[in-house]
Amino acid sequence: MTNLTKNQKKAVEAMPATAREIADVLNYASTSGVYDLLRRAERRDSTITFSSENGVWDYQRVEAEKPVVTDGGTATAPGTRIPTVQKQTITKDANDFLSELEVELRDRLAAYDPVDTELPVRPGHRDMVMFRTDDHFGDQDTEVALDGEVIETFSSEIAAERVFQHRDHILSWKAVLEDAGYTFDTVHLLMNGDHVTNESIYESQPHYIDQRLRGQVRLASEVYVDVIRSLAEEFPAVQVVCQHGNHGELRARGASHEANADDLLYDAIDLALRQSDLDNVRFVTNHVDTHTEFLMRGHRGYMRHGQDGLGHIGTTSGVKKWQSWLLESIDRNGDTGWDVGYWGHFHELKIEPVNGRPVLMGGTLEPAGDYENALGIAPGRPGAWCHTVSDEEAIDQLKPVYFS
């Protein structure tokens, strides 16, 4: 552990311990700083790895990850873009890993009862929504400054920090509204896909990655379990609604229909919640469909990732797609259909109407890159939405969150 910093060594020496106990040893005010410290420690010393079981953290020694060697004998450092000639092999390896992990997680989930609490709806109170989409844990991006310095503009570590920043904004806004006389029942954490990047990416969307798939799923699940736990401490109830995106589709024997790397992340979170002591959380996930409908104070939300839609609802084709999805909801439920829509994929933050119903397009944690430029999307600030829900309105007060 000679490569670790003083505080990182203190954290290791305190183990086995809970995140709260480690935070106390380090004099940290919150546990989020502990997770950040452990991630930095793993990056600093590749021979040490951390894991938690029932909330107790410990470490073990592992062999340092070796470079990937191509058929020609050229070493490729982990985290760099993989040449096209290797894509078929890498895709097969990733699919094999994902299918094995899916079966393992499903078997373990079967041993525990689902997380499904009743959501309180007290007249005159409000709910709050934290809309997350397109986190892209695993992505790595840099830019060159005017003086020639190469600056890291996005990484898994930055993604984690910005998810926590979104959570902190929700909690600070809640405190302000409570001071003004508002009372809250439930917070709805909407997870709309592409939270992990995977290792095999479409040719039209080349990416550099800073973590292999296993690390992406592990880090993202740890971050979101911590977010859910802190929300559960502040709200009477938490509803987590999950819809997969389009990164990491599985095409392997044994994988379920429409299986996706996001679904494996959701299963990992689900398992951690089932094993936890939290009793005020409802977890809703959907492994087989392109969209998910759910309730918030009697209003119906409709969430889909958006890869099968258009980047702008305001066109004739865009409106027709969303109108068809609204009609499907009406036919399925025998009422007026969904009241508010959520979608992502295009990395833009905006709101557009469909037959008088608001549809929120979620932004992303990362700055605009080649993918957005290829779509002709103007560069914008990384951002996300949060809003309140009243008895009368699905979107009562709406606020954007911009990440620094």
Protein backbone atom coordinates (compact mmCIF):
# COMPACT_ATOMS: atom_id res chain seq x y z
CA MET A 1 0.00 0.00 0.00
CA THR A 2 2.99 2.27 -0.45
CA ASN A 3 1.26 4.03 -3.38
CA LEU A 4 -1.75 5.09 -1.31
CA THR A 5 -2.19 8.51 0.25
CA LYS A 6 -2.30 8.98 4.01
CA ASN A 7 -6.11 9.09 4.13
CA GLN A 8 -6.42 6.11 1.79
CA LYS A 9 -4.18 4.09 4.08
CA LYS A 10 -6.29 5.16 7.09
CA ALA A 11 -9.42 3.90 5.31
CA VAL A 12 -7.81 0.54 4.53
CA GLU A 13 -6.50 0.13 8.08
CA ALA A 14 -10.01 0.79 9.46
CA MET A 15 -11.51 -2.10 7.47
CA PRO A 16 -13.65 -4.09 7.80
CA ALA A 17 -15.97 -1.16 8.50
CA THR A 18 -19.10 0.55 7.22
CA ALA A 19 -18.86 3.67 5.07
CA ARG A 20 -20.11 5.70 8.02
CA GLU A 21 -17.39 4.29 10.30
CA ILE A 22 -14.71 5.04 7.70
CA ALA A 23 -16.08 8.58 7.30
CA ASP A 24 -15.78 9.08 11.06
CA VAL A 25 -12.16 7.88 11.02
CA LEU A 26 -11.38 10.38 8.24
CA ASN A 27 -13.48 13.17 9.80
CA TYR A 28 -15.68 13.29 6.67
CA ALA A 29 -19.12 14.85 7.00
CA SER A 30 -20.76 12.42 4.56
CA THR A 31 -20.17 8.92 3.22
CA SER A 32 -20.02 10.08 -0.42
CA GLY A 33 -16.46 11.26 0.20
CA VAL A 34 -15.55 7.74 1.34
CA TYR A 35 -16.69 6.17 -1.94
CA ASP A 36 -14.73 8.77 -3.89
CA LEU A 37 -11.62 8.05 -1.80
CA LEU A 38 -11.90 4.29 -2.36
CA ARG A 39 -12.29 4.77 -6.11
CA ARG A 40 -9.20 6.97 -6.17
CA ALA A 41 -7.30 4.39 -4.11
CA GLU A 42 -8.08 1.64 -6.64
CA ARG A 43 -6.89 3.88 -9.48
CA ARG A 44 -3.73 4.73 -7.53
CA ASP A 45 -2.87 1.13 -6.63
CA SER A 46 -4.17 -1.42 -9.14
CA THR A 47 -3.28 -4.34 -6.83
CA ILE A 48 -5.97 -3.49 -4.27
CA THR A 49 -9.73 -3.81 -4.68
CA PHE A 50 -12.60 -2.93 -2.34
CA SER A 51 -15.99 -4.60 -1.91
CA SER A 52 -18.90 -4.40 0.50
CA GLU A 53 -21.25 -7.02 1.89
CA ASN A 54 -24.29 -5.97 3.92
CA GLY A 55 -22.85 -2.46 4.09
CA VAL A 56 -19.46 -3.52 5.50
CA TRP A 57 -16.42 -2.63 3.39
CA ASP A 58 -13.23 -4.67 3.14
CA TYR A 59 -10.33 -5.03 0.70
CA GLN A 60 -8.28 -7.71 -0.97
CA ARG A 61 -5.12 -7.92 -3.04
CA VAL A 62 -5.39 -8.76 -6.75
CA GLU A 63 -2.96 -9.11 -9.61
CA ALA A 64 -2.34 -5.92 -11.54
CA GLU A 65 -4.33 -5.80 -14.78
CA LYS A 66 -2.09 -6.72 -17.70
CA PRO A 67 -2.15 -4.89 -21.02
CA VAL A 68 -4.29 -6.31 -23.78
CA VAL A 69 -2.03 -7.90 -26.42
CA THR A 70 -3.21 -8.12 -30.01
CA ASP A 71 -2.40 -10.92 -32.41
CA GLY A 72 0.47 -8.83 -33.71
CA GLY A 73 1.98 -8.55 -30.26
CA THR A 74 1.20 -4.85 -29.78
CA ALA A 75 0.18 -3.95 -26.25
CA THR A 76 -2.92 -1.83 -25.78
CA ALA A 77 -3.36 -0.21 -22.38
CA PRO A 78 -6.76 -0.71 -20.69
CA GLY A 79 -8.98 2.29 -21.32
CA THR A 80 -7.96 3.03 -24.89
CA ARG A 81 -10.17 2.52 -27.89
CA ILE A 82 -10.04 -1.06 -29.13
CA PRO A 83 -9.11 -1.49 -32.82
CA THR A 84 -11.90 -2.66 -35.10
CA VAL A 85 -10.16 -5.96 -35.85
CA GLN A 86 -10.58 -6.94 -32.21
CA LYS A 87 -14.23 -5.92 -31.89
CA GLN A 88 -15.70 -9.34 -32.67
CA THR A 89 -13.61 -11.05 -29.99
CA ILE A 90 -14.20 -8.29 -27.45
CA THR A 91 -17.95 -8.33 -28.13
CA LYS A 92 -18.11 -12.10 -27.60
CA ASP A 93 -16.14 -11.86 -24.35
CA ALA A 94 -18.35 -9.03 -23.11
CA ASN A 95 -21.53 -10.91 -24.03
CA ASP A 96 -20.30 -14.08 -22.32
CA PHE A 97 -19.54 -12.11 -19.16
CA LEU A 98 -22.87 -10.28 -19.25
CA SER A 99 -24.93 -13.43 -19.75
CA GLU A 100 -23.11 -15.21 -16.91
CA LEU A 101 -23.60 -12.21 -14.63
CA GLU A 102 -27.28 -11.97 -15.53
CA VAL A 103 -27.91 -15.59 -14.54
CA GLU A 104 -25.89 -15.18 -11.34
CA LEU A 105 -27.77 -12.03 -10.30
CA ARG A 106 -31.19 -13.53 -11.07
CA ASP A 107 -30.37 -16.61 -8.98
CA ARG A 108 -29.27 -14.44 -6.05
CA LEU A 109 -32.30 -12.13 -6.35
CA ALA A 110 -34.61 -15.15 -6.05
CA ALA A 111 -33.32 -15.74 -2.52
CA TYR A 112 -34.69 -12.40 -1.23
CA ASP A 113 -38.08 -10.72 -1.12
CA PRO A 114 -38.61 -7.80 -3.55
CA VAL A 115 -38.26 -4.22 -2.32
CA ASP A 116 -41.82 -2.86 -2.57
CA THR A 117 -43.06 -0.41 0.04
CA GLU A 118 -46.38 1.45 -0.05
CA LEU A 119 -46.02 5.05 -1.30
CA PRO A 120 -47.80 7.58 0.94
CA VAL A 121 -50.12 10.10 -0.74
CA ARG A 122 -51.27 12.59 1.88
CA PRO A 123 -53.58 15.36 0.57
CA GLY A 124 -51.80 18.67 0.11
CA HIS A 125 -48.32 17.14 0.25
CA ARG A 126 -45.93 16.83 -2.69
CA ASP A 127 -43.52 14.38 -4.26
CA MET A 128 -40.18 15.12 -5.88
CA VAL A 129 -38.54 13.67 -9.01
CA MET A 130 -34.82 13.09 -9.69
CA PHE A 131 -34.56 12.24 -13.41
CA ARG A 132 -31.31 10.48 -14.34
CA THR A 133 -30.33 9.37 -17.83
CA ASP A 134 -27.17 8.87 -19.92
CA ASP A 135 -24.62 8.72 -17.09
CA HIS A 136 -22.12 6.79 -19.26
CA PHE A 137 -20.03 5.38 -16.43
CA GLY A 138 -16.90 4.13 -18.17
CA ASP A 139 -16.59 6.91 -20.74
CA GLN A 140 -13.39 8.93 -20.75
CA ASP A 141 -12.93 12.22 -22.61
CA THR A 142 -10.23 14.88 -22.82
CA GLU A 143 -9.70 18.19 -24.57
CA VAL A 144 -6.63 20.23 -25.42
CA ALA A 145 -6.44 23.70 -23.85
CA LEU A 146 -5.09 26.75 -25.68
CA ASP A 147 -1.72 26.27 -24.00
CA GLY A 148 -1.52 22.68 -25.25
CA GLU A 149 -2.34 21.06 -21.90
CA VAL A 150 -4.52 17.92 -22.13
CA ILE A 151 -7.43 18.23 -19.69
CA GLU A 152 -9.67 15.38 -18.56
CA THR A 153 -13.24 16.55 -19.13
CA PHE A 154 -15.07 13.33 -18.27
CA SER A 155 -14.42 10.03 -16.52
CA SER A 156 -16.21 7.51 -14.33
CA GLU A 157 -15.04 9.49 -11.32
CA ILE A 158 -16.54 12.71 -12.69
CA ALA A 159 -19.77 10.82 -13.49
CA ALA A 160 -20.02 9.68 -9.87
CA GLU A 161 -19.38 13.18 -8.55
CA ARG A 162 -22.12 14.63 -10.77
CA VAL A 163 -24.70 12.01 -9.76
CA PHE A 164 -23.99 12.97 -6.14
CA GLN A 165 -24.23 16.65 -7.14
CA HIS A 166 -27.71 16.00 -8.57
CA ARG A 167 -28.69 14.21 -5.34
CA ASP A 168 -27.36 17.09 -3.23
CA HIS A 169 -29.33 19.61 -5.33
CA ILE A 170 -32.51 17.60 -4.72
CA LEU A 171 -31.93 17.59 -0.95
CA SER A 172 -31.03 21.29 -0.75
CA TRP A 173 -34.10 22.25 -2.83
CA LYS A 174 -36.26 20.08 -0.57
CA ALA A 175 -34.92 21.96 2.49
CA VAL A 176 -35.72 25.33 0.89
CA LEU A 177 -39.26 24.26 0.02
CA GLU A 178 -39.85 22.81 3.47
CA ASP A 179 -38.82 26.14 4.98
CA ALA A 180 -41.51 27.68 2.77
CA GLY A 181 -44.14 25.32 4.22
CA TYR A 182 -44.09 22.37 1.78
CA THR A 183 -44.26 18.78 3.02
CA PHE A 184 -43.06 15.80 0.97
CA ASP A 185 -44.14 12.17 0.74
CA THR A 186 -42.09 10.36 -1.92
CA VAL A 187 -39.04 11.02 -4.06
CA HIS A 188 -39.02 9.25 -7.43
CA LEU A 189 -35.57 8.34 -8.78
CA LEU A 190 -36.04 7.74 -12.50
CA MET A 191 -33.19 5.81 -14.14
CA ASN A 192 -33.63 5.99 -17.90
CA GLY A 193 -30.71 4.01 -19.28
CA ASP A 194 -27.19 4.26 -20.72
CA HIS A 195 -25.85 4.49 -17.19
CA VAL A 196 -22.92 2.26 -18.18
CA THR A 197 -20.99 2.43 -21.45
CA ASN A 198 -20.01 -1.22 -21.94
CA GLU A 199 -16.89 -2.28 -23.85
CA SER A 200 -18.17 -2.90 -27.38
CA ILE A 201 -19.53 0.35 -28.84
CA TYR A 202 -21.05 0.99 -32.24
CA GLU A 203 -18.59 2.08 -34.92
CA SER A 204 -20.48 5.36 -35.30
CA GLN A 205 -20.01 6.06 -31.58
CA PRO A 206 -16.32 5.48 -30.81
CA HIS A 207 -15.45 5.90 -27.15
CA TYR A 208 -12.47 5.63 -24.90
CA ILE A 209 -13.19 3.87 -21.64
CA ASP A 210 -11.50 4.17 -18.25
CA GLN A 211 -13.01 1.01 -16.73
CA ARG A 212 -13.93 -2.43 -17.96
CA LEU A 213 -17.59 -3.44 -17.85
CA ARG A 214 -17.33 -5.14 -14.47
CA GLY A 215 -15.91 -1.94 -12.98
CA GLN A 216 -18.58 0.20 -14.63
CA VAL A 217 -21.43 -1.88 -13.19
CA ARG A 218 -19.78 -2.07 -9.79
CA LEU A 219 -19.06 1.67 -9.48
CA ALA A 220 -22.45 2.78 -10.82
CA SER A 221 -24.31 0.39 -8.51
CA GLU A 222 -22.33 1.58 -5.47
CA VAL A 223 -23.05 5.21 -6.34
CA TYR A 224 -26.78 4.65 -6.79
CA VAL A 225 -27.19 2.50 -3.69
CA ASP A 226 -25.59 5.34 -1.73
CA VAL A 227 -27.91 7.86 -3.43
CA ILE A 228 -30.98 5.73 -2.67
CA ARG A 229 -29.92 5.27 0.94
CA SER A 230 -29.46 9.01 1.48
CA LEU A 231 -32.80 9.77 -0.20
CA ALA A 232 -34.48 7.16 2.01
CA GLU A 233 -33.13 8.97 5.07
CA GLU A 234 -34.67 12.28 3.95
CA PHE A 235 -38.03 11.23 2.47
CA PRO A 236 -40.81 9.02 3.90
CA ALA A 237 -40.58 6.84 0.76
CA VAL A 238 -38.41 6.33 -2.33
CA GLN A 239 -39.61 4.90 -5.64
CA VAL A 240 -36.87 3.82 -8.07
CA VAL A 241 -38.07 3.28 -11.66
CA CYS A 242 -35.65 1.71 -14.17
CA GLN A 243 -35.71 1.59 -17.98
CA HIS A 244 -32.77 0.30 -20.00
CA GLY A 245 -31.04 2.26 -22.75
CA ASN A 246 -29.25 1.07 -25.88
CA HIS A 247 -25.65 0.60 -24.69
CA GLY A 248 -24.57 -2.97 -24.09
CA GLU A 249 -27.27 -5.07 -25.71
CA LEU A 250 -26.68 -8.77 -25.10
CA ARG A 251 -26.59 -11.19 -27.99
CA ALA A 252 -25.52 -14.27 -26.06
CA ARG A 253 -27.04 -17.65 -25.28
CA GLY A 254 -28.78 -17.64 -21.91
CA ALA A 255 -29.50 -13.89 -21.89
CA SER A 256 -33.11 -12.79 -21.54
CA HIS A 257 -34.99 -11.06 -24.38
CA GLU A 258 -33.89 -7.42 -24.75
CA ALA A 259 -31.20 -8.01 -22.07
CA ASN A 260 -29.00 -4.99 -21.63
CA ALA A 261 -26.01 -3.93 -19.55
CA ASP A 262 -28.26 -1.38 -17.80
CA ASP A 263 -30.46 -4.25 -16.64
CA LEU A 264 -27.47 -5.91 -15.02
CA LEU A 265 -26.76 -2.65 -13.20
CA TYR A 266 -30.40 -2.52 -12.07
CA ASP A 267 -30.22 -6.13 -10.85
CA ALA A 268 -27.07 -5.32 -8.88
CA ILE A 269 -28.82 -2.35 -7.24
CA ASP A 270 -31.95 -4.43 -6.63
CA LEU A 271 -29.89 -7.13 -4.92
CA ALA A 272 -28.10 -4.61 -2.70
CA LEU A 273 -31.44 -3.07 -1.68
CA ARG A 274 -32.98 -6.48 -0.90
CA GLN A 275 -29.99 -7.26 1.31
CA SER A 276 -30.11 -3.86 3.05
CA ASP A 277 -32.10 -2.70 6.07
CA LEU A 278 -34.09 -0.14 4.06
CA ASP A 279 -37.84 -0.58 4.45
CA ASN A 280 -39.20 2.52 2.67
CA VAL A 281 -38.09 1.83 -0.91
CA ARG A 282 -40.04 0.55 -3.93
CA PHE A 283 -37.94 -0.75 -6.84
CA VAL A 284 -39.55 -1.02 -10.29
CA THR A 285 -37.58 -2.46 -13.20
CA ASN A 286 -38.44 -3.58 -16.72
CA HIS A 287 -36.19 -6.02 -18.58
CA VAL A 288 -38.34 -6.73 -21.62
CA ASP A 289 -39.97 -3.58 -23.00
CA THR A 290 -38.94 -0.28 -24.57
CA HIS A 291 -40.84 1.83 -22.05
CA THR A 292 -42.09 1.86 -18.46
CA GLU A 293 -45.24 3.44 -17.01
CA PHE A 294 -45.53 4.24 -13.30
CA LEU A 295 -47.59 6.31 -10.85
CA MET A 296 -46.71 9.49 -8.92
CA ARG A 297 -49.48 10.84 -6.65
CA GLY A 298 -52.10 9.47 -9.05
CA HIS A 299 -50.38 10.91 -12.15
CA ARG A 300 -48.94 8.47 -14.68
CA GLY A 301 -45.37 8.84 -15.85
CA TYR A 302 -44.13 7.37 -19.13
CA MET A 303 -40.40 6.72 -19.56
CA ARG A 304 -38.46 5.43 -22.58
CA HIS A 305 -34.80 5.85 -23.40
CA GLY A 306 -35.38 7.40 -26.81
CA GLN A 307 -33.12 5.60 -29.29
CA ASP A 308 -36.25 4.73 -31.28
CA GLY A 309 -37.45 8.35 -31.34
CA LEU A 310 -36.29 11.62 -32.85
CA GLY A 311 -34.18 14.33 -31.27
CA HIS A 312 -36.96 16.88 -31.63
CA ILE A 313 -40.64 16.18 -30.91
CA GLY A 314 -41.69 19.37 -32.71
CA THR A 315 -41.35 17.82 -36.17
CA THR A 316 -44.29 16.06 -37.80
CA SER A 317 -42.59 12.65 -37.50
CA GLY A 318 -41.57 13.32 -33.91
CA VAL A 319 -45.06 14.32 -32.84
CA LYS A 320 -46.58 11.28 -34.57
CA LYS A 321 -44.27 8.91 -32.71
CA TRP A 322 -45.14 10.35 -29.33
CA GLN A 323 -48.83 10.54 -30.19
CA SER A 324 -48.75 6.84 -31.12
CA TRP A 325 -47.13 6.02 -27.77
CA LEU A 326 -49.81 8.06 -26.01
CA LEU A 327 -52.56 6.18 -27.87
CA GLU A 328 -50.96 2.87 -26.90
CA SER A 329 -51.07 3.98 -23.26
CA ILE A 330 -54.73 4.98 -23.59
CA ASP A 331 -55.65 1.65 -25.22
CA ARG A 332 -53.71 -0.35 -22.64
CA ASN A 333 -55.06 1.38 -19.56
CA GLY A 334 -58.52 2.40 -20.74
CA ASP A 335 -58.18 6.01 -19.60
CA THR A 336 -56.51 9.25 -20.74
CA GLY A 337 -53.02 7.75 -20.91
CA TRP A 338 -49.83 9.09 -19.37
CA ASP A 339 -49.58 12.60 -17.93
CA VAL A 340 -45.83 13.29 -18.26
CA GLY A 341 -43.13 11.75 -20.44
CA TYR A 342 -39.40 11.25 -19.85
CA TRP A 343 -36.72 10.43 -22.40
CA GLY A 344 -33.00 10.75 -23.01
CA HIS A 345 -30.45 9.39 -25.51
CA PHE A 346 -29.88 12.71 -27.34
CA HIS A 347 -27.99 14.37 -24.48
CA GLU A 348 -30.13 17.51 -24.56
CA LEU A 349 -32.01 19.20 -21.72
CA LYS A 350 -35.39 20.51 -22.85
CA ILE A 351 -39.16 20.24 -22.45
CA GLU A 352 -41.68 19.77 -25.28
CA PRO A 353 -45.47 19.21 -25.36
CA VAL A 354 -47.40 16.25 -26.77
CA ASN A 355 -51.18 16.78 -26.87
CA GLY A 356 -50.91 19.15 -23.91
CA ARG A 357 -48.70 16.79 -21.90
CA PRO A 358 -45.14 17.79 -21.00
CA VAL A 359 -42.26 15.56 -22.11
CA LEU A 360 -38.91 16.11 -20.40
CA MET A 361 -35.78 15.25 -22.33
CA GLY A 362 -32.97 14.52 -19.89
CA GLY A 363 -29.46 15.77 -20.45
CA THR A 364 -26.23 13.95 -19.69
CA LEU A 365 -23.38 14.13 -17.23
CA GLU A 366 -20.71 14.50 -19.90
CA PRO A 367 -19.78 17.35 -22.27
CA ALA A 368 -20.77 17.17 -25.94
CA GLY A 369 -18.55 14.90 -28.03
CA ASP A 370 -18.36 13.22 -31.44
CA TYR A 371 -21.79 11.58 -31.08
CA GLU A 372 -23.63 14.85 -30.43
CA ASN A 373 -21.69 16.62 -33.18
CA ALA A 374 -22.61 13.86 -35.64
CA LEU A 375 -26.29 14.42 -34.83
CA GLY A 376 -25.92 18.18 -35.32
CA ILE A 377 -26.76 18.89 -31.66
CA ALA A 378 -25.40 22.21 -30.47
CA PRO A 379 -22.97 21.86 -27.54
CA GLY A 380 -24.66 22.52 -24.23
CA ARG A 381 -23.92 22.34 -20.53
CA PRO A 382 -24.17 18.91 -18.93
CA GLY A 383 -27.41 18.95 -16.97
CA ALA A 384 -30.46 17.16 -15.59
CA TRP A 385 -34.01 17.79 -14.38
CA CYS A 386 -35.69 17.72 -11.00
CA HIS A 387 -39.28 18.72 -10.27
CA THR A 388 -42.05 18.51 -7.73
CA VAL A 389 -45.38 16.69 -8.14
CA SER A 390 -48.58 18.03 -6.57
CA ASP A 391 -52.03 16.50 -6.28
CA GLU A 392 -53.15 18.58 -9.27
CA GLU A 393 -50.05 18.68 -11.52
CA ALA A 394 -47.60 16.00 -12.64
CA ILE A 395 -44.99 18.78 -12.96
CA ASP A 396 -45.59 21.37 -10.27
CA GLN A 397 -42.26 23.20 -10.08
CA LEU A 398 -39.45 22.40 -12.54
CA LYS A 399 -35.74 23.09 -12.04
CA PRO A 400 -32.70 22.30 -14.17
CA VAL A 401 -29.44 21.17 -12.55
CA TYR A 402 -26.23 22.11 -14.35
CA PHE A 403 -23.04 20.23 -13.53
CA SER A 404 -19.72 21.90 -12.91
